[in-house]
């Protein structure tokens, strides 16, 4: 990722050993919870706090969870969600 021209890699607050899973693979995608308690919204806020304009994910559950959070919170103009494989595939 760091070798892709024009990309500056930044990490969210919860990463590596202290990561925070979006929970999509554990069925959280279908769980009804208060909007404020949705993990994907918490993760999106962490991503926005970094100043990033792109979230690159490698998990097939994180993509729809974070994409939906972006739409739910009206942040489409501030940040995009993409798959790491697409990002690498488009690199020149």
PDB file of N, CA and C in Angstrom:
ATOM      1  N   UNK A   1       0.824  -1.187   0.000  1.00  0.00           N
ATOM      2  CA  UNK A   1       0.000   0.000   0.000  1.00  0.00           C
ATOM      3  C   UNK A   1       0.873   1.257   0.000  1.00  0.00           C
ATOM      4  N   UNK A   2       1.928   1.246   0.798  1.00  0.00           N
ATOM      5  CA  UNK A   2       2.766   2.427   0.903  1.00  0.00           C
ATOM      6  C   UNK A   2       3.544   2.700  -0.377  1.00  0.00           C
ATOM      7  N   UNK A   3       3.675   1.700  -1.230  1.00  0.00           N
ATOM      8  CA  UNK A   3       4.423   1.890  -2.472  1.00  0.00           C
ATOM      9  C   UNK A   3       3.557   2.483  -3.587  1.00  0.00           C
ATOM     10  N   UNK A   4       2.264   2.624  -3.364  1.00  0.00           N
ATOM     11  CA  UNK A   4       1.382   3.204  -4.380  1.00  0.00           C
ATOM     12  C   UNK A   4       1.556   4.717  -4.382  1.00  0.00           C
ATOM     13  N   UNK A   5       1.862   5.254  -5.547  1.00  0.00           N
ATOM     14  CA  UNK A   5       2.069   6.687  -5.692  1.00  0.00           C
ATOM     15  C   UNK A   5       0.818   7.466  -5.294  1.00  0.00           C
ATOM     16  N   UNK A   6       1.010   8.500  -4.493  1.00  0.00           N
ATOM     17  CA  UNK A   6      -0.102   9.359  -4.093  1.00  0.00           C
ATOM     18  C   UNK A   6      -0.857   8.887  -2.867  1.00  0.00           C
ATOM     19  N   UNK A   7      -0.428   7.786  -2.285  1.00  0.00           N
ATOM     20  CA  UNK A   7      -1.120   7.246  -1.101  1.00  0.00           C
ATOM     21  C   UNK A   7      -0.264   7.485   0.136  1.00  0.00           C
ATOM     22  N   UNK A   8      -0.874   8.049   1.155  1.00  0.00           N
ATOM     23  CA  UNK A   8      -0.223   8.164   2.454  1.00  0.00           C
ATOM     24  C   UNK A   8      -1.009   7.283   3.411  1.00  0.00           C
ATOM     25  N   UNK A   9      -0.372   6.265   3.944  1.00  0.00           N
ATOM     26  CA  UNK A   9      -1.030   5.319   4.826  1.00  0.00           C
ATOM     27  C   UNK A   9      -1.146   5.905   6.233  1.00  0.00           C
ATOM     28  N   UNK A  10      -2.363   5.963   6.746  1.00  0.00           N
ATOM     29  CA  UNK A  10      -2.605   6.372   8.130  1.00  0.00           C
ATOM     30  C   UNK A  10      -3.468   5.304   8.789  1.00  0.00           C
ATOM     31  N   UNK A  11      -3.258   5.083  10.056  1.00  0.00           N
ATOM     32  CA  UNK A  11      -4.019   4.068  10.790  1.00  0.00           C
ATOM     33  C   UNK A  11      -5.072   4.725  11.673  1.00  0.00           C
ATOM     34  N   UNK A  12      -6.179   4.044  11.842  1.00  0.00           N
ATOM     35  CA  UNK A  12      -7.211   4.505  12.764  1.00  0.00           C
ATOM     36  C   UNK A  12      -6.761   4.218  14.194  1.00  0.00           C
ATOM     37  N   UNK A  13      -7.458   4.798  15.143  1.00  0.00           N
ATOM     38  CA  UNK A  13      -7.092   4.644  16.553  1.00  0.00           C
ATOM     39  C   UNK A  13      -7.019   3.174  16.968  1.00  0.00           C
ATOM     40  N   UNK A  14      -8.004   2.387  16.581  1.00  0.00           N
ATOM     41  CA  UNK A  14      -8.010   0.962  16.910  1.00  0.00           C
ATOM     42  C   UNK A  14      -7.433   0.194  15.721  1.00  0.00           C
ATOM     43  N   UNK A  15      -6.208  -0.306  15.860  1.00  0.00           N
ATOM     44  CA  UNK A  15      -5.585  -1.063  14.774  1.00  0.00           C
ATOM     45  C   UNK A  15      -4.646  -2.114  15.345  1.00  0.00           C
ATOM     46  N   UNK A  16      -4.197  -2.989  14.482  1.00  0.00           N
ATOM     47  CA  UNK A  16      -3.297  -4.087  14.831  1.00  0.00           C
ATOM     48  C   UNK A  16      -3.855  -4.885  16.013  1.00  0.00           C
ATOM     49  N   UNK A  17      -3.098  -5.050  17.082  1.00  0.00           N
ATOM     50  CA  UNK A  17      -3.571  -5.868  18.213  1.00  0.00           C
ATOM     51  C   UNK A  17      -4.804  -5.279  18.898  1.00  0.00           C
ATOM     52  N   UNK A  18      -4.972  -3.991  18.838  1.00  0.00           N
ATOM     53  CA  UNK A  18      -6.112  -3.336  19.489  1.00  0.00           C
ATOM     54  C   UNK A  18      -7.221  -2.964  18.533  1.00  0.00           C
ATOM     55  N   UNK A  19      -7.327  -3.719  17.410  1.00  0.00           N
ATOM     56  CA  UNK A  19      -8.305  -3.375  16.379  1.00  0.00           C
ATOM     57  C   UNK A  19      -9.739  -3.494  16.877  1.00  0.00           C
ATOM     58  N   UNK A  20     -10.646  -2.874  16.159  1.00  0.00           N
ATOM     59  CA  UNK A  20     -12.073  -2.925  16.454  1.00  0.00           C
ATOM     60  C   UNK A  20     -12.764  -3.469  15.209  1.00  0.00           C
ATOM     61  N   UNK A  21     -13.314  -4.653  15.315  1.00  0.00           N
ATOM     62  CA  UNK A  21     -13.987  -5.316  14.195  1.00  0.00           C
ATOM     63  C   UNK A  21     -15.360  -4.688  13.979  1.00  0.00           C
ATOM     64  N   UNK A  22     -15.759  -4.548  12.717  1.00  0.00           N
ATOM     65  CA  UNK A  22     -17.074  -3.980  12.410  1.00  0.00           C
ATOM     66  C   UNK A  22     -18.202  -4.935  12.786  1.00  0.00           C
ATOM     67  N   UNK A  23     -17.897  -6.208  12.934  1.00  0.00           N
ATOM     68  CA  UNK A  23     -18.898  -7.176  13.373  1.00  0.00           C
ATOM     69  C   UNK A  23     -19.777  -7.739  12.274  1.00  0.00           C
ATOM     70  N   UNK A  24     -19.570  -7.306  11.034  1.00  0.00           N
ATOM     71  CA  UNK A  24     -20.415  -7.762   9.928  1.00  0.00           C
ATOM     72  C   UNK A  24     -20.403  -9.266   9.748  1.00  0.00           C
ATOM     73  N   UNK A  25     -19.249  -9.878   9.857  1.00  0.00           N
ATOM     74  CA  UNK A  25     -19.127 -11.327   9.693  1.00  0.00           C
ATOM     75  C   UNK A  25     -19.749 -12.108  10.828  1.00  0.00           C
ATOM     76  N   UNK A  26     -19.960 -11.451  11.952  1.00  0.00           N
ATOM     77  CA  UNK A  26     -20.569 -12.100  13.109  1.00  0.00           C
ATOM     78  C   UNK A  26     -22.069 -11.887  13.176  1.00  0.00           C
ATOM     79  N   UNK A  27     -22.640 -11.401  12.092  1.00  0.00           N
ATOM     80  CA  UNK A  27     -24.088 -11.213  12.033  1.00  0.00           C
ATOM     81  C   UNK A  27     -24.549  -9.827  12.441  1.00  0.00           C
ATOM     82  N   UNK A  28     -23.621  -8.960  12.812  1.00  0.00           N
ATOM     83  CA  UNK A  28     -24.004  -7.624  13.246  1.00  0.00           C
ATOM     84  C   UNK A  28     -24.644  -6.817  12.115  1.00  0.00           C
ATOM     85  N   UNK A  29     -24.411  -7.245  10.878  1.00  0.00           N
ATOM     86  CA  UNK A  29     -25.002  -6.564   9.730  1.00  0.00           C
ATOM     87  C   UNK A  29     -26.536  -6.592   9.815  1.00  0.00           C
ATOM     88  N   UNK A  30     -27.082  -7.633  10.427  1.00  0.00           N
ATOM     89  CA  UNK A  30     -28.522  -7.795  10.493  1.00  0.00           C
ATOM     90  C   UNK A  30     -29.095  -7.475  11.874  1.00  0.00           C
ATOM     91  N   UNK A  31     -28.249  -7.077  12.791  1.00  0.00           N
ATOM     92  CA  UNK A  31     -28.667  -6.781  14.158  1.00  0.00           C
ATOM     93  C   UNK A  31     -29.187  -5.350  14.243  1.00  0.00           C
ATOM     94  N   UNK A  32     -30.324  -5.176  14.869  1.00  0.00           N
ATOM     95  CA  UNK A  32     -30.876  -3.842  15.057  1.00  0.00           C
ATOM     96  C   UNK A  32     -30.325  -3.248  16.349  1.00  0.00           C
ATOM     97  N   UNK A  33     -29.600  -2.154  16.236  1.00  0.00           N
ATOM     98  CA  UNK A  33     -29.063  -1.438  17.399  1.00  0.00           C
ATOM     99  C   UNK A  33     -29.284   0.053  17.186  1.00  0.00           C
ATOM    100  N   UNK A  34     -29.180   0.819  18.262  1.00  0.00           N
ATOM    101  CA  UNK A  34     -29.295   2.270  18.146  1.00  0.00           C
ATOM    102  C   UNK A  34     -28.220   2.788  17.202  1.00  0.00           C
ATOM    103  N   UNK A  35     -28.552   3.797  16.424  1.00  0.00           N
ATOM    104  CA  UNK A  35     -27.603   4.339  15.454  1.00  0.00           C
ATOM    105  C   UNK A  35     -26.261   4.684  16.083  1.00  0.00           C
ATOM    106  N   UNK A  36     -26.285   5.290  17.256  1.00  0.00           N
ATOM    107  CA  UNK A  36     -25.052   5.728  17.902  1.00  0.00           C
ATOM    108  C   UNK A  36     -24.175   4.549  18.315  1.00  0.00           C
ATOM    109  N   UNK A  37     -24.766   3.381  18.509  1.00  0.00           N
ATOM    110  CA  UNK A  37     -24.032   2.207  18.972  1.00  0.00           C
ATOM    111  C   UNK A  37     -23.504   1.336  17.838  1.00  0.00           C
ATOM    112  N   UNK A  38     -23.784   1.687  16.605  1.00  0.00           N
ATOM    113  CA  UNK A  38     -23.341   0.872  15.481  1.00  0.00           C
ATOM    114  C   UNK A  38     -21.826   0.961  15.350  1.00  0.00           C
ATOM    115  N   UNK A  39     -21.176  -0.185  15.390  1.00  0.00           N
ATOM    116  CA  UNK A  39     -19.713  -0.219  15.339  1.00  0.00           C
ATOM    117  C   UNK A  39     -19.197   0.397  14.049  1.00  0.00           C
ATOM    118  N   UNK A  40     -19.899   0.178  12.950  1.00  0.00           N
ATOM    119  CA  UNK A  40     -19.424   0.734  11.686  1.00  0.00           C
ATOM    120  C   UNK A  40     -19.424   2.265  11.709  1.00  0.00           C
ATOM    121  N   UNK A  41     -20.340   2.855  12.446  1.00  0.00           N
ATOM    122  CA  UNK A  41     -20.364   4.317  12.585  1.00  0.00           C
ATOM    123  C   UNK A  41     -19.188   4.784  13.447  1.00  0.00           C
ATOM    124  N   UNK A  42     -18.882   4.023  14.479  1.00  0.00           N
ATOM    125  CA  UNK A  42     -17.734   4.341  15.339  1.00  0.00           C
ATOM    126  C   UNK A  42     -16.450   4.262  14.524  1.00  0.00           C
ATOM    127  N   UNK A  43     -16.320   3.203  13.713  1.00  0.00           N
ATOM    128  CA  UNK A  43     -15.129   3.045  12.870  1.00  0.00           C
ATOM    129  C   UNK A  43     -15.038   4.179  11.837  1.00  0.00           C
ATOM    130  N   UNK A  44     -16.160   4.551  11.269  1.00  0.00           N
ATOM    131  CA  UNK A  44     -16.157   5.645  10.305  1.00  0.00           C
ATOM    132  C   UNK A  44     -15.685   6.936  10.968  1.00  0.00           C
ATOM    133  N   UNK A  45     -16.148   7.210  12.159  1.00  0.00           N
ATOM    134  CA  UNK A  45     -15.719   8.416  12.868  1.00  0.00           C
ATOM    135  C   UNK A  45     -14.211   8.366  13.150  1.00  0.00           C
ATOM    136  N   UNK A  46     -13.692   7.179  13.469  1.00  0.00           N
ATOM    137  CA  UNK A  46     -12.246   7.031  13.660  1.00  0.00           C
ATOM    138  C   UNK A  46     -11.503   7.328  12.362  1.00  0.00           C
ATOM    139  N   UNK A  47     -12.028   6.836  11.256  1.00  0.00           N
ATOM    140  CA  UNK A  47     -11.395   7.079   9.958  1.00  0.00           C
ATOM    141  C   UNK A  47     -11.412   8.564   9.622  1.00  0.00           C
ATOM    142  N   UNK A  48     -12.530   9.219   9.832  1.00  0.00           N
ATOM    143  CA  UNK A  48     -12.635  10.644   9.555  1.00  0.00           C
ATOM    144  C   UNK A  48     -11.680  11.447  10.441  1.00  0.00           C
ATOM    145  N   UNK A  49     -11.483  11.008  11.666  1.00  0.00           N
ATOM    146  CA  UNK A  49     -10.588  11.706  12.601  1.00  0.00           C
ATOM    147  C   UNK A  49      -9.137  11.691  12.126  1.00  0.00           C
ATOM    148  N   UNK A  50      -8.783  10.736  11.275  1.00  0.00           N
ATOM    149  CA  UNK A  50      -7.410  10.677  10.757  1.00  0.00           C
ATOM    150  C   UNK A  50      -7.166  11.718   9.669  1.00  0.00           C
ATOM    151  N   UNK A  51      -8.234  12.252   9.112  1.00  0.00           N
ATOM    152  CA  UNK A  51      -8.109  13.181   7.997  1.00  0.00           C
ATOM    153  C   UNK A  51      -8.061  12.482   6.645  1.00  0.00           C
ATOM    154  N   UNK A  52      -8.189  11.166   6.640  1.00  0.00           N
ATOM    155  CA  UNK A  52      -8.149  10.395   5.395  1.00  0.00           C
ATOM    156  C   UNK A  52      -9.379  10.686   4.541  1.00  0.00           C
ATOM    157  N   UNK A  53      -9.213  10.531   3.235  1.00  0.00           N
ATOM    158  CA  UNK A  53     -10.352  10.682   2.339  1.00  0.00           C
ATOM    159  C   UNK A  53     -10.730   9.355   1.675  1.00  0.00           C
ATOM    160  N   UNK A  54     -10.051   8.295   2.105  1.00  0.00           N
ATOM    161  CA  UNK A  54     -10.303   6.961   1.557  1.00  0.00           C
ATOM    162  C   UNK A  54     -10.070   5.911   2.643  1.00  0.00           C
ATOM    163  N   UNK A  55     -10.993   4.969   2.744  1.00  0.00           N
ATOM    164  CA  UNK A  55     -10.815   3.821   3.626  1.00  0.00           C
ATOM    165  C   UNK A  55     -10.589   2.617   2.731  1.00  0.00           C
ATOM    166  N   UNK A  56      -9.451   1.949   2.887  1.00  0.00           N
ATOM    167  CA  UNK A  56      -9.150   0.741   2.120  1.00  0.00           C
ATOM    168  C   UNK A  56      -9.338  -0.452   3.038  1.00  0.00           C
ATOM    169  N   UNK A  57     -10.215  -1.368   2.651  1.00  0.00           N
ATOM    170  CA  UNK A  57     -10.522  -2.537   3.479  1.00  0.00           C
ATOM    171  C   UNK A  57     -10.147  -3.812   2.743  1.00  0.00           C
ATOM    172  N   UNK A  58      -9.821  -4.846   3.506  1.00  0.00           N
ATOM    173  CA  UNK A  58      -9.533  -6.143   2.894  1.00  0.00           C
ATOM    174  C   UNK A  58     -10.575  -7.179   3.296  1.00  0.00           C
ATOM    175  N   UNK A  59     -11.435  -6.839   4.215  1.00  0.00           N
ATOM    176  CA  UNK A  59     -12.460  -7.761   4.707  1.00  0.00           C
ATOM    177  C   UNK A  59     -13.739  -7.594   3.883  1.00  0.00           C
ATOM    178  N   UNK A  60     -14.319  -8.698   3.399  1.00  0.00           N
ATOM    179  CA  UNK A  60     -15.537  -8.584   2.598  1.00  0.00           C
ATOM    180  C   UNK A  60     -16.742  -8.082   3.393  1.00  0.00           C
ATOM    181  N   UNK A  61     -16.670  -8.125   4.713  1.00  0.00           N
ATOM    182  CA  UNK A  61     -17.769  -7.611   5.537  1.00  0.00           C
ATOM    183  C   UNK A  61     -17.589  -6.129   5.837  1.00  0.00           C
ATOM    184  N   UNK A  62     -16.355  -5.702   6.011  1.00  0.00           N
ATOM    185  CA  UNK A  62     -16.090  -4.289   6.314  1.00  0.00           C
ATOM    186  C   UNK A  62     -16.548  -3.379   5.180  1.00  0.00           C
ATOM    187  N   UNK A  63     -16.382  -3.830   3.946  1.00  0.00           N
ATOM    188  CA  UNK A  63     -16.747  -2.983   2.813  1.00  0.00           C
ATOM    189  C   UNK A  63     -18.215  -2.538   2.891  1.00  0.00           C
ATOM    190  N   UNK A  64     -19.189  -3.462   2.930  1.00  0.00           N
ATOM    191  CA  UNK A  64     -20.578  -2.992   2.969  1.00  0.00           C
ATOM    192  C   UNK A  64     -20.933  -2.292   4.285  1.00  0.00           C
ATOM    193  N   UNK A  65     -20.334  -2.733   5.382  1.00  0.00           N
ATOM    194  CA  UNK A  65     -20.633  -2.107   6.667  1.00  0.00           C
ATOM    195  C   UNK A  65     -20.193  -0.640   6.660  1.00  0.00           C
ATOM    196  N   UNK A  66     -18.961  -0.380   6.228  1.00  0.00           N
ATOM    197  CA  UNK A  66     -18.459   0.992   6.219  1.00  0.00           C
ATOM    198  C   UNK A  66     -19.107   1.820   5.113  1.00  0.00           C
ATOM    199  N   UNK A  67     -19.353   1.210   3.980  1.00  0.00           N
ATOM    200  CA  UNK A  67     -20.024   1.909   2.876  1.00  0.00           C
ATOM    201  C   UNK A  67     -21.410   2.377   3.325  1.00  0.00           C
ATOM    202  N   UNK A  68     -22.137   1.511   4.019  1.00  0.00           N
ATOM    203  CA  UNK A  68     -23.458   1.880   4.533  1.00  0.00           C
ATOM    204  C   UNK A  68     -23.359   2.979   5.584  1.00  0.00           C
ATOM    205  N   UNK A  69     -22.328   2.932   6.413  1.00  0.00           N
ATOM    206  CA  UNK A  69     -22.133   3.977   7.424  1.00  0.00           C
ATOM    207  C   UNK A  69     -21.886   5.325   6.751  1.00  0.00           C
ATOM    208  N   UNK A  70     -21.087   5.328   5.690  1.00  0.00           N
ATOM    209  CA  UNK A  70     -20.819   6.567   4.943  1.00  0.00           C
ATOM    210  C   UNK A  70     -22.136   7.140   4.419  1.00  0.00           C
ATOM    211  N   UNK A  71     -22.972   6.288   3.845  1.00  0.00           N
ATOM    212  CA  UNK A  71     -24.259   6.740   3.306  1.00  0.00           C
ATOM    213  C   UNK A  71     -25.193   7.187   4.429  1.00  0.00           C
ATOM    214  N   UNK A  72     -25.285   6.389   5.496  1.00  0.00           N
ATOM    215  CA  UNK A  72     -26.154   6.711   6.641  1.00  0.00           C
ATOM    216  C   UNK A  72     -25.825   8.065   7.252  1.00  0.00           C
ATOM    217  N   UNK A  73     -24.535   8.362   7.317  1.00  0.00           N
ATOM    218  CA  UNK A  73     -24.094   9.576   7.983  1.00  0.00           C
ATOM    219  C   UNK A  73     -23.893  10.750   7.021  1.00  0.00           C
ATOM    220  N   UNK A  74     -24.181  10.518   5.735  1.00  0.00           N
ATOM    221  CA  UNK A  74     -24.072  11.586   4.749  1.00  0.00           C
ATOM    222  C   UNK A  74     -22.654  12.088   4.547  1.00  0.00           C
ATOM    223  N   UNK A  75     -21.687  11.176   4.563  1.00  0.00           N
ATOM    224  CA  UNK A  75     -20.276  11.550   4.447  1.00  0.00           C
ATOM    225  C   UNK A  75     -19.683  11.215   3.078  1.00  0.00           C
ATOM    226  N   UNK A  76     -20.537  11.021   2.069  1.00  0.00           N
ATOM    227  CA  UNK A  76     -20.078  10.625   0.737  1.00  0.00           C
ATOM    228  C   UNK A  76     -19.077  11.607   0.128  1.00  0.00           C
ATOM    229  N   UNK A  77     -19.191  12.873   0.448  1.00  0.00           N
ATOM    230  CA  UNK A  77     -18.288  13.881  -0.108  1.00  0.00           C
ATOM    231  C   UNK A  77     -16.968  13.949   0.649  1.00  0.00           C
ATOM    232  N   UNK A  78     -16.936  13.378   1.863  1.00  0.00           N
ATOM    233  CA  UNK A  78     -15.738  13.465   2.709  1.00  0.00           C
ATOM    234  C   UNK A  78     -14.819  12.261   2.593  1.00  0.00           C
ATOM    235  N   UNK A  79     -15.400  11.072   2.411  1.00  0.00           N
ATOM    236  CA  UNK A  79     -14.585   9.860   2.447  1.00  0.00           C
ATOM    237  C   UNK A  79     -15.213   8.769   1.591  1.00  0.00           C
ATOM    238  N   UNK A  80     -14.371   8.001   0.959  1.00  0.00           N
ATOM    239  CA  UNK A  80     -14.803   6.882   0.113  1.00  0.00           C
ATOM    240  C   UNK A  80     -14.312   5.581   0.734  1.00  0.00           C
ATOM    241  N   UNK A  81     -14.958   4.483   0.378  1.00  0.00           N
ATOM    242  CA  UNK A  81     -14.560   3.151   0.834  1.00  0.00           C
ATOM    243  C   UNK A  81     -14.203   2.336  -0.399  1.00  0.00           C
ATOM    244  N   UNK A  82     -13.063   1.650  -0.348  1.00  0.00           N
ATOM    245  CA  UNK A  82     -12.649   0.794  -1.458  1.00  0.00           C
ATOM    246  C   UNK A  82     -12.001  -0.465  -0.913  1.00  0.00           C
ATOM    247  N   UNK A  83     -11.912  -1.458  -1.748  1.00  0.00           N
ATOM    248  CA  UNK A  83     -11.252  -2.708  -1.394  1.00  0.00           C
ATOM    249  C   UNK A  83      -9.766  -2.579  -1.701  1.00  0.00           C
ATOM    250  N   UNK A  84      -8.930  -3.129  -0.838  1.00  0.00           N
ATOM    251  CA  UNK A  84      -7.474  -3.082  -1.045  1.00  0.00           C
ATOM    252  C   UNK A  84      -7.114  -3.676  -2.401  1.00  0.00           C
ATOM    253  N   UNK A  85      -7.763  -4.762  -2.783  1.00  0.00           N
ATOM    254  CA  UNK A  85      -7.458  -5.404  -4.071  1.00  0.00           C
ATOM    255  C   UNK A  85      -7.740  -4.460  -5.233  1.00  0.00           C
ATOM    256  N   UNK A  86      -8.827  -3.686  -5.168  1.00  0.00           N
ATOM    257  CA  UNK A  86      -9.120  -2.723  -6.227  1.00  0.00           C
ATOM    258  C   UNK A  86      -8.074  -1.620  -6.255  1.00  0.00           C
ATOM    259  N   UNK A  87      -7.690  -1.183  -5.093  1.00  0.00           N
ATOM    260  CA  UNK A  87      -6.681  -0.124  -4.999  1.00  0.00           C
ATOM    261  C   UNK A  87      -5.357  -0.591  -5.602  1.00  0.00           C
ATOM    262  N   UNK A  88      -4.944  -1.796  -5.261  1.00  0.00           N
ATOM    263  CA  UNK A  88      -3.702  -2.350  -5.791  1.00  0.00           C
ATOM    264  C   UNK A  88      -3.825  -2.634  -7.296  1.00  0.00           C
ATOM    265  N   UNK A  89      -4.968  -3.113  -7.713  1.00  0.00           N
ATOM    266  CA  UNK A  89      -5.187  -3.413  -9.127  1.00  0.00           C
ATOM    267  C   UNK A  89      -5.166  -2.176 -10.003  1.00  0.00           C
ATOM    268  N   UNK A  90      -5.568  -1.034  -9.453  1.00  0.00           N
ATOM    269  CA  UNK A  90      -5.586   0.214 -10.209  1.00  0.00           C
ATOM    270  C   UNK A  90      -4.260   0.968 -10.150  1.00  0.00           C
ATOM    271  N   UNK A  91      -3.349   0.494  -9.299  1.00  0.00           N
ATOM    272  CA  UNK A  91      -2.049   1.171  -9.162  1.00  0.00           C
ATOM    273  C   UNK A  91      -1.219   0.970 -10.424  1.00  0.00           C
ATOM    274  N   UNK A  92      -0.482   1.989 -10.773  1.00  0.00           N
ATOM    275  CA  UNK A  92       0.374   1.876 -11.966  1.00  0.00           C
ATOM    276  C   UNK A  92       1.824   1.870 -11.581  1.00  0.00           C
TER     277      UNK A  92
END
